[in-house]
Amino acid sequence: LVVSGVRGKMMVCEWDVSQMAKMLGKEKGGDMSHIPEGQMVKQVQVTLLKGTLAINMTASFPADQFDIYYRPFQQFLKTLKISE
């Protein structure tokens, strides 16, 4: 991946939010009942390194709509201007 002439790495992860909510609810004692069973999320993570500058960006979307929401994120990346 190259953004504004800076090379970087991109990773896409997917997970079940309801399972994470169960774990966090037990740990923190919070009510996570509003999260439906099997709710899947995809997250794109972009990391750029230029000299001593490190940029990490993440964007999370419903997994079943990821392709729709990911397009504006790609356009956003194209608008970035990175300088030192």
PDB file of N, CA and C in Angstrom:
ATOM      1  N   LEU A   1       0.850  -1.178   0.000  1.00  0.00           N
ATOM      2  CA  LEU A   1       0.000   0.000   0.000  1.00  0.00           C
ATOM      3  C   LEU A   1       0.891   1.234   0.000  1.00  0.00           C
ATOM      4  N   VAL A   2       0.547   2.222  -0.824  1.00  0.00           N
ATOM      5  CA  VAL A   2       1.266   3.494  -0.861  1.00  0.00           C
ATOM      6  C   VAL A   2       0.247   4.625  -0.718  1.00  0.00           C
ATOM      7  N   VAL A   3       0.468   5.496   0.265  1.00  0.00           N
ATOM      8  CA  VAL A   3      -0.398   6.646   0.508  1.00  0.00           C
ATOM      9  C   VAL A   3       0.474   7.891   0.499  1.00  0.00           C
ATOM     10  N   SER A   4       0.190   8.821  -0.387  1.00  0.00           N
ATOM     11  CA  SER A   4       0.941  10.078  -0.487  1.00  0.00           C
ATOM     12  C   SER A   4       2.441   9.809  -0.625  1.00  0.00           C
ATOM     13  N   GLY A   5       2.776   8.772  -1.384  1.00  0.00           N
ATOM     14  CA  GLY A   5       4.169   8.418  -1.606  1.00  0.00           C
ATOM     15  C   GLY A   5       4.827   7.648  -0.475  1.00  0.00           C
ATOM     16  N   VAL A   6       4.077   7.349   0.585  1.00  0.00           N
ATOM     17  CA  VAL A   6       4.615   6.642   1.744  1.00  0.00           C
ATOM     18  C   VAL A   6       4.122   5.192   1.722  1.00  0.00           C
ATOM     19  N   ARG A   7       5.073   4.256   1.792  1.00  0.00           N
ATOM     20  CA  ARG A   7       4.702   2.837   1.818  1.00  0.00           C
ATOM     21  C   ARG A   7       4.149   2.463   3.183  1.00  0.00           C
ATOM     22  N   GLY A   8       3.215   1.540   3.165  1.00  0.00           N
ATOM     23  CA  GLY A   8       2.621   1.098   4.418  1.00  0.00           C
ATOM     24  C   GLY A   8       2.068  -0.308   4.303  1.00  0.00           C
ATOM     25  N   LYS A   9       1.399  -0.722   5.343  1.00  0.00           N
ATOM     26  CA  LYS A   9       0.772  -2.047   5.410  1.00  0.00           C
ATOM     27  C   LYS A   9      -0.703  -1.875   5.708  1.00  0.00           C
ATOM     28  N   MET A  10      -1.498  -2.778   5.153  1.00  0.00           N
ATOM     29  CA  MET A  10      -2.923  -2.776   5.420  1.00  0.00           C
ATOM     30  C   MET A  10      -3.334  -4.179   5.845  1.00  0.00           C
ATOM     31  N   MET A  11      -4.210  -4.243   6.849  1.00  0.00           N
ATOM     32  CA  MET A  11      -4.725  -5.519   7.335  1.00  0.00           C
ATOM     33  C   MET A  11      -6.228  -5.367   7.510  1.00  0.00           C
ATOM     34  N   VAL A  12      -6.975  -6.417   7.146  1.00  0.00           N
ATOM     35  CA  VAL A  12      -8.420  -6.437   7.362  1.00  0.00           C
ATOM     36  C   VAL A  12      -8.726  -7.600   8.300  1.00  0.00           C
ATOM     37  N   CYS A  13      -9.410  -7.291   9.396  1.00  0.00           N
ATOM     38  CA  CYS A  13      -9.788  -8.289  10.402  1.00  0.00           C
ATOM     39  C   CYS A  13     -11.312  -8.399  10.436  1.00  0.00           C
ATOM     40  N   GLU A  14     -11.792  -9.547  10.876  1.00  0.00           N
ATOM     41  CA  GLU A  14     -13.227  -9.737  11.049  1.00  0.00           C
ATOM     42  C   GLU A  14     -13.454 -10.476  12.351  1.00  0.00           C
ATOM     43  N   TRP A  15     -14.470 -10.059  13.119  1.00  0.00           N
ATOM     44  CA  TRP A  15     -14.759 -10.735  14.369  1.00  0.00           C
ATOM     45  C   TRP A  15     -16.230 -10.628  14.720  1.00  0.00           C
ATOM     46  N   ASP A  16     -16.628 -11.477  15.650  1.00  0.00           N
ATOM     47  CA  ASP A  16     -18.003 -11.539  16.144  1.00  0.00           C
ATOM     48  C   ASP A  16     -18.106 -10.620  17.361  1.00  0.00           C
ATOM     49  N   VAL A  17     -18.770  -9.492  17.197  1.00  0.00           N
ATOM     50  CA  VAL A  17     -18.884  -8.498  18.266  1.00  0.00           C
ATOM     51  C   VAL A  17     -19.635  -9.065  19.469  1.00  0.00           C
ATOM     52  N   SER A  18     -20.609  -9.929  19.211  1.00  0.00           N
ATOM     53  CA  SER A  18     -21.385 -10.479  20.324  1.00  0.00           C
ATOM     54  C   SER A  18     -20.512 -11.333  21.243  1.00  0.00           C
ATOM     55  N   GLN A  19     -19.558 -12.052  20.682  1.00  0.00           N
ATOM     56  CA  GLN A  19     -18.651 -12.842  21.516  1.00  0.00           C
ATOM     57  C   GLN A  19     -17.728 -11.936  22.322  1.00  0.00           C
ATOM     58  N   MET A  20     -17.252 -10.866  21.698  1.00  0.00           N
ATOM     59  CA  MET A  20     -16.408  -9.910  22.421  1.00  0.00           C
ATOM     60  C   MET A  20     -17.219  -9.255  23.539  1.00  0.00           C
ATOM     61  N   ALA A  21     -18.476  -8.925  23.263  1.00  0.00           N
ATOM     62  CA  ALA A  21     -19.338  -8.291  24.263  1.00  0.00           C
ATOM     63  C   ALA A  21     -19.548  -9.225  25.452  1.00  0.00           C
ATOM     64  N   LYS A  22     -19.695 -10.519  25.191  1.00  0.00           N
ATOM     65  CA  LYS A  22     -19.856 -11.479  26.290  1.00  0.00           C
ATOM     66  C   LYS A  22     -18.629 -11.463  27.199  1.00  0.00           C
ATOM     67  N   MET A  23     -17.447 -11.466  26.592  1.00  0.00           N
ATOM     68  CA  MET A  23     -16.214 -11.448  27.381  1.00  0.00           C
ATOM     69  C   MET A  23     -16.089 -10.154  28.164  1.00  0.00           C
ATOM     70  N   LEU A  24     -16.320  -9.015  27.497  1.00  0.00           N
ATOM     71  CA  LEU A  24     -16.188  -7.727  28.172  1.00  0.00           C
ATOM     72  C   LEU A  24     -17.259  -7.533  29.232  1.00  0.00           C
ATOM     73  N   GLY A  25     -18.460  -8.017  28.955  1.00  0.00           N
ATOM     74  CA  GLY A  25     -19.543  -7.900  29.933  1.00  0.00           C
ATOM     75  C   GLY A  25     -19.216  -8.624  31.219  1.00  0.00           C
ATOM     76  N   LYS A  26     -18.591  -9.798  31.106  1.00  0.00           N
ATOM     77  CA  LYS A  26     -18.205 -10.565  32.297  1.00  0.00           C
ATOM     78  C   LYS A  26     -17.089  -9.849  33.049  1.00  0.00           C
ATOM     79  N   GLU A  27     -16.116  -9.312  32.303  1.00  0.00           N
ATOM     80  CA  GLU A  27     -14.976  -8.638  32.928  1.00  0.00           C
ATOM     81  C   GLU A  27     -15.386  -7.334  33.603  1.00  0.00           C
ATOM     82  N   LYS A  28     -16.203  -6.542  32.923  1.00  0.00           N
ATOM     83  CA  LYS A  28     -16.509  -5.195  33.401  1.00  0.00           C
ATOM     84  C   LYS A  28     -17.875  -5.087  34.047  1.00  0.00           C
ATOM     85  N   GLY A  29     -18.672  -6.148  33.957  1.00  0.00           N
ATOM     86  CA  GLY A  29     -19.988  -6.134  34.574  1.00  0.00           C
ATOM     87  C   GLY A  29     -21.007  -5.274  33.857  1.00  0.00           C
ATOM     88  N   GLY A  30     -20.713  -4.913  32.596  1.00  0.00           N
ATOM     89  CA  GLY A  30     -21.632  -4.062  31.844  1.00  0.00           C
ATOM     90  C   GLY A  30     -22.727  -4.849  31.145  1.00  0.00           C
ATOM     91  N   ASP A  31     -23.803  -4.165  30.793  1.00  0.00           N
ATOM     92  CA  ASP A  31     -24.917  -4.776  30.069  1.00  0.00           C
ATOM     93  C   ASP A  31     -24.640  -4.705  28.573  1.00  0.00           C
ATOM     94  N   MET A  32     -24.444  -5.830  27.957  1.00  0.00           N
ATOM     95  CA  MET A  32     -24.162  -5.901  26.528  1.00  0.00           C
ATOM     96  C   MET A  32     -25.306  -6.577  25.772  1.00  0.00           C
ATOM     97  N   SER A  33     -26.484  -6.636  26.389  1.00  0.00           N
ATOM     98  CA  SER A  33     -27.614  -7.349  25.801  1.00  0.00           C
ATOM     99  C   SER A  33     -28.129  -6.699  24.512  1.00  0.00           C
ATOM    100  N   HIS A  34     -27.772  -5.446  24.259  1.00  0.00           N
ATOM    101  CA  HIS A  34     -28.219  -4.753  23.050  1.00  0.00           C
ATOM    102  C   HIS A  34     -27.485  -5.219  21.794  1.00  0.00           C
ATOM    103  N   ILE A  35     -26.413  -5.982  21.957  1.00  0.00           N
ATOM    104  CA  ILE A  35     -25.640  -6.468  20.809  1.00  0.00           C
ATOM    105  C   ILE A  35     -26.189  -7.827  20.384  1.00  0.00           C
ATOM    106  N   PRO A  36     -26.716  -7.917  19.164  1.00  0.00           N
ATOM    107  CA  PRO A  36     -27.328  -9.178  18.726  1.00  0.00           C
ATOM    108  C   PRO A  36     -26.306 -10.295  18.527  1.00  0.00           C
ATOM    109  N   GLU A  37     -26.731 -11.515  18.777  1.00  0.00           N
ATOM    110  CA  GLU A  37     -25.893 -12.705  18.589  1.00  0.00           C
ATOM    111  C   GLU A  37     -25.426 -12.776  17.134  1.00  0.00           C
ATOM    112  N   GLY A  38     -24.155 -13.044  16.939  1.00  0.00           N
ATOM    113  CA  GLY A  38     -23.599 -13.212  15.591  1.00  0.00           C
ATOM    114  C   GLY A  38     -23.349 -11.926  14.829  1.00  0.00           C
ATOM    115  N   GLN A  39     -23.319 -10.790  15.516  1.00  0.00           N
ATOM    116  CA  GLN A  39     -23.066  -9.510  14.833  1.00  0.00           C
ATOM    117  C   GLN A  39     -21.591  -9.447  14.434  1.00  0.00           C
ATOM    118  N   MET A  40     -21.326  -9.508  13.140  1.00  0.00           N
ATOM    119  CA  MET A  40     -19.965  -9.517  12.627  1.00  0.00           C
ATOM    120  C   MET A  40     -19.524  -8.122  12.197  1.00  0.00           C
ATOM    121  N   VAL A  41     -18.254  -7.821  12.469  1.00  0.00           N
ATOM    122  CA  VAL A  41     -17.650  -6.538  12.114  1.00  0.00           C
ATOM    123  C   VAL A  41     -16.353  -6.815  11.361  1.00  0.00           C
ATOM    124  N   LYS A  42     -16.073  -5.981  10.366  1.00  0.00           N
ATOM    125  CA  LYS A  42     -14.774  -6.012   9.692  1.00  0.00           C
ATOM    126  C   LYS A  42     -14.090  -4.682   9.962  1.00  0.00           C
ATOM    127  N   GLN A  43     -12.800  -4.749  10.173  1.00  0.00           N
ATOM    128  CA  GLN A  43     -12.021  -3.541  10.438  1.00  0.00           C
ATOM    129  C   GLN A  43     -10.813  -3.516   9.518  1.00  0.00           C
ATOM    130  N   VAL A  44     -10.575  -2.380   8.896  1.00  0.00           N
ATOM    131  CA  VAL A  44      -9.373  -2.183   8.097  1.00  0.00           C
ATOM    132  C   VAL A  44      -8.401  -1.361   8.941  1.00  0.00           C
ATOM    133  N   GLN A  45      -7.144  -1.791   8.945  1.00  0.00           N
ATOM    134  CA  GLN A  45      -6.093  -1.081   9.678  1.00  0.00           C
ATOM    135  C   GLN A  45      -4.988  -0.734   8.687  1.00  0.00           C
ATOM    136  N   VAL A  46      -4.618   0.533   8.654  1.00  0.00           N
ATOM    137  CA  VAL A  46      -3.566   1.009   7.759  1.00  0.00           C
ATOM    138  C   VAL A  46      -2.471   1.629   8.618  1.00  0.00           C
ATOM    139  N   THR A  47      -1.239   1.189   8.408  1.00  0.00           N
ATOM    140  CA  THR A  47      -0.091   1.728   9.137  1.00  0.00           C
ATOM    141  C   THR A  47       0.926   2.254   8.136  1.00  0.00           C
ATOM    142  N   LEU A  48       1.349   3.499   8.333  1.00  0.00           N
ATOM    143  CA  LEU A  48       2.338   4.147   7.478  1.00  0.00           C
ATOM    144  C   LEU A  48       3.508   4.595   8.335  1.00  0.00           C
ATOM    145  N   LEU A  49       4.722   4.422   7.829  1.00  0.00           N
ATOM    146  CA  LEU A  49       5.927   4.863   8.530  1.00  0.00           C
ATOM    147  C   LEU A  49       6.763   5.708   7.575  1.00  0.00           C
ATOM    148  N   LYS A  50       7.105   6.922   8.013  1.00  0.00           N
ATOM    149  CA  LYS A  50       7.971   7.800   7.226  1.00  0.00           C
ATOM    150  C   LYS A  50       8.942   8.466   8.177  1.00  0.00           C
ATOM    151  N   GLY A  51      10.184   8.026   8.160  1.00  0.00           N
ATOM    152  CA  GLY A  51      11.181   8.545   9.095  1.00  0.00           C
ATOM    153  C   GLY A  51      10.745   8.233  10.521  1.00  0.00           C
ATOM    154  N   THR A  52      10.604   9.264  11.331  1.00  0.00           N
ATOM    155  CA  THR A  52      10.169   9.073  12.719  1.00  0.00           C
ATOM    156  C   THR A  52       8.653   9.244  12.880  1.00  0.00           C
ATOM    157  N   LEU A  53       7.953   9.457  11.772  1.00  0.00           N
ATOM    158  CA  LEU A  53       6.503   9.621  11.793  1.00  0.00           C
ATOM    159  C   LEU A  53       5.813   8.269  11.610  1.00  0.00           C
ATOM    160  N   ALA A  54       4.892   7.953  12.502  1.00  0.00           N
ATOM    161  CA  ALA A  54       4.090   6.729  12.400  1.00  0.00           C
ATOM    162  C   ALA A  54       2.613   7.120  12.407  1.00  0.00           C
ATOM    163  N   ILE A  55       1.881   6.624  11.431  1.00  0.00           N
ATOM    164  CA  ILE A  55       0.448   6.900  11.333  1.00  0.00           C
ATOM    165  C   ILE A  55      -0.282   5.567  11.307  1.00  0.00           C
ATOM    166  N   ASN A  56      -1.277   5.419  12.182  1.00  0.00           N
ATOM    167  CA  ASN A  56      -2.106   4.215  12.188  1.00  0.00           C
ATOM    168  C   ASN A  56      -3.560   4.660  12.120  1.00  0.00           C
ATOM    169  N   MET A  57      -4.284   4.143  11.141  1.00  0.00           N
ATOM    170  CA  MET A  57      -5.695   4.485  10.964  1.00  0.00           C
ATOM    171  C   MET A  57      -6.515   3.203  10.953  1.00  0.00           C
ATOM    172  N   THR A  58      -7.660   3.252  11.599  1.00  0.00           N
ATOM    173  CA  THR A  58      -8.557   2.107  11.585  1.00  0.00           C
ATOM    174  C   THR A  58      -9.961   2.584  11.238  1.00  0.00           C
ATOM    175  N   ALA A  59     -10.707   1.695  10.623  1.00  0.00           N
ATOM    176  CA  ALA A  59     -12.113   1.965  10.321  1.00  0.00           C
ATOM    177  C   ALA A  59     -12.859   0.644  10.429  1.00  0.00           C
ATOM    178  N   SER A  60     -13.948   0.643  11.202  1.00  0.00           N
ATOM    179  CA  SER A  60     -14.738  -0.572  11.429  1.00  0.00           C
ATOM    180  C   SER A  60     -16.129  -0.396  10.839  1.00  0.00           C
ATOM    181  N   PHE A  61     -16.604  -1.457  10.191  1.00  0.00           N
ATOM    182  CA  PHE A  61     -17.905  -1.427   9.535  1.00  0.00           C
ATOM    183  C   PHE A  61     -18.609  -2.766   9.731  1.00  0.00           C
ATOM    184  N   PRO A  62     -19.944  -2.790   9.604  1.00  0.00           N
ATOM    185  CA  PRO A  62     -20.645  -4.078   9.625  1.00  0.00           C
ATOM    186  C   PRO A  62     -20.080  -4.975   8.513  1.00  0.00           C
ATOM    187  N   ALA A  63     -19.782  -6.221   8.850  1.00  0.00           N
ATOM    188  CA  ALA A  63     -19.123  -7.119   7.898  1.00  0.00           C
ATOM    189  C   ALA A  63     -19.920  -7.290   6.612  1.00  0.00           C
ATOM    190  N   ASP A  64     -21.241  -7.365   6.727  1.00  0.00           N
ATOM    191  CA  ASP A  64     -22.054  -7.603   5.536  1.00  0.00           C
ATOM    192  C   ASP A  64     -22.163  -6.371   4.635  1.00  0.00           C
ATOM    193  N   GLN A  65     -21.698  -5.209   5.114  1.00  0.00           N
ATOM    194  CA  GLN A  65     -21.725  -3.978   4.323  1.00  0.00           C
ATOM    195  C   GLN A  65     -20.329  -3.389   4.138  1.00  0.00           C
ATOM    196  N   PHE A  66     -19.307  -4.172   4.434  1.00  0.00           N
ATOM    197  CA  PHE A  66     -17.932  -3.679   4.420  1.00  0.00           C
ATOM    198  C   PHE A  66     -17.554  -3.067   3.074  1.00  0.00           C
ATOM    199  N   ASP A  67     -17.872  -3.752   1.976  1.00  0.00           N
ATOM    200  CA  ASP A  67     -17.471  -3.248   0.656  1.00  0.00           C
ATOM    201  C   ASP A  67     -18.061  -1.869   0.364  1.00  0.00           C
ATOM    202  N   ILE A  68     -19.279  -1.628   0.820  1.00  0.00           N
ATOM    203  CA  ILE A  68     -19.927  -0.333   0.595  1.00  0.00           C
ATOM    204  C   ILE A  68     -19.227   0.770   1.384  1.00  0.00           C
ATOM    205  N   TYR A  69     -18.959   0.524   2.666  1.00  0.00           N
ATOM    206  CA  TYR A  69     -18.349   1.542   3.526  1.00  0.00           C
ATOM    207  C   TYR A  69     -16.846   1.694   3.296  1.00  0.00           C
ATOM    208  N   TYR A  70     -16.209   0.642   2.804  1.00  0.00           N
ATOM    209  CA  TYR A  70     -14.769   0.687   2.580  1.00  0.00           C
ATOM    210  C   TYR A  70     -14.402   1.631   1.434  1.00  0.00           C
ATOM    211  N   ARG A  71     -15.270   1.775   0.452  1.00  0.00           N
ATOM    212  CA  ARG A  71     -14.977   2.648  -0.700  1.00  0.00           C
ATOM    213  C   ARG A  71     -14.695   4.091  -0.280  1.00  0.00           C
ATOM    214  N   PRO A  72     -15.514   4.718   0.567  1.00  0.00           N
ATOM    215  CA  PRO A  72     -15.180   6.089   1.006  1.00  0.00           C
ATOM    216  C   PRO A  72     -13.871   6.149   1.799  1.00  0.00           C
ATOM    217  N   PHE A  73     -13.564   5.092   2.548  1.00  0.00           N
ATOM    218  CA  PHE A  73     -12.294   5.061   3.284  1.00  0.00           C
ATOM    219  C   PHE A  73     -11.122   5.052   2.297  1.00  0.00           C
ATOM    220  N   GLN A  74     -11.251   4.284   1.221  1.00  0.00           N
ATOM    221  CA  GLN A  74     -10.201   4.272   0.195  1.00  0.00           C
ATOM    222  C   GLN A  74     -10.036   5.667  -0.413  1.00  0.00           C
ATOM    223  N   GLN A  75     -11.154   6.338  -0.673  1.00  0.00           N
ATOM    224  CA  GLN A  75     -11.087   7.691  -1.230  1.00  0.00           C
ATOM    225  C   GLN A  75     -10.420   8.646  -0.242  1.00  0.00           C
ATOM    226  N   PHE A  76     -10.724   8.478   1.042  1.00  0.00           N
ATOM    227  CA  PHE A  76     -10.089   9.292   2.082  1.00  0.00           C
ATOM    228  C   PHE A  76      -8.568   9.112   2.049  1.00  0.00           C
ATOM    229  N   LEU A  77      -8.106   7.870   1.931  1.00  0.00           N
ATOM    230  CA  LEU A  77      -6.663   7.609   1.884  1.00  0.00           C
ATOM    231  C   LEU A  77      -6.008   8.337   0.713  1.00  0.00           C
ATOM    232  N   LYS A  78      -6.698   8.406  -0.406  1.00  0.00           N
ATOM    233  CA  LYS A  78      -6.146   9.070  -1.586  1.00  0.00           C
ATOM    234  C   LYS A  78      -5.988  10.580  -1.383  1.00  0.00           C
ATOM    235  N   THR A  79      -6.739  11.154  -0.455  1.00  0.00           N
ATOM    236  CA  THR A  79      -6.671  12.615  -0.235  1.00  0.00           C
ATOM    237  C   THR A  79      -5.575  13.018   0.758  1.00  0.00           C
ATOM    238  N   LEU A  80      -5.002  12.044   1.464  1.00  0.00           N
ATOM    239  CA  LEU A  80      -4.000  12.374   2.483  1.00  0.00           C
ATOM    240  C   LEU A  80      -2.724  12.937   1.843  1.00  0.00           C
ATOM    241  N   LYS A  81      -2.174  13.936   2.462  1.00  0.00           N
ATOM    242  CA  LYS A  81      -0.896  14.521   2.068  1.00  0.00           C
ATOM    243  C   LYS A  81       0.029  14.435   3.267  1.00  0.00           C
ATOM    244  N   ILE A  82       1.098  13.676   3.137  1.00  0.00           N
ATOM    245  CA  ILE A  82       2.028  13.459   4.249  1.00  0.00           C
ATOM    246  C   ILE A  82       3.352  14.139   3.929  1.00  0.00           C
ATOM    247  N   SER A  83       3.800  15.010   4.838  1.00  0.00           N
ATOM    248  CA  SER A  83       5.078  15.677   4.664  1.00  0.00           C
ATOM    249  C   SER A  83       5.792  15.711   6.011  1.00  0.00           C
ATOM    250  N   GLU A  84       7.064  16.009   5.981  1.00  0.00           N
ATOM    251  CA  GLU A  84       7.822  16.109   7.229  1.00  0.00           C
ATOM    252  C   GLU A  84       8.141  17.542   7.541  1.00  0.00           C
TER     253      GLU A  84
END
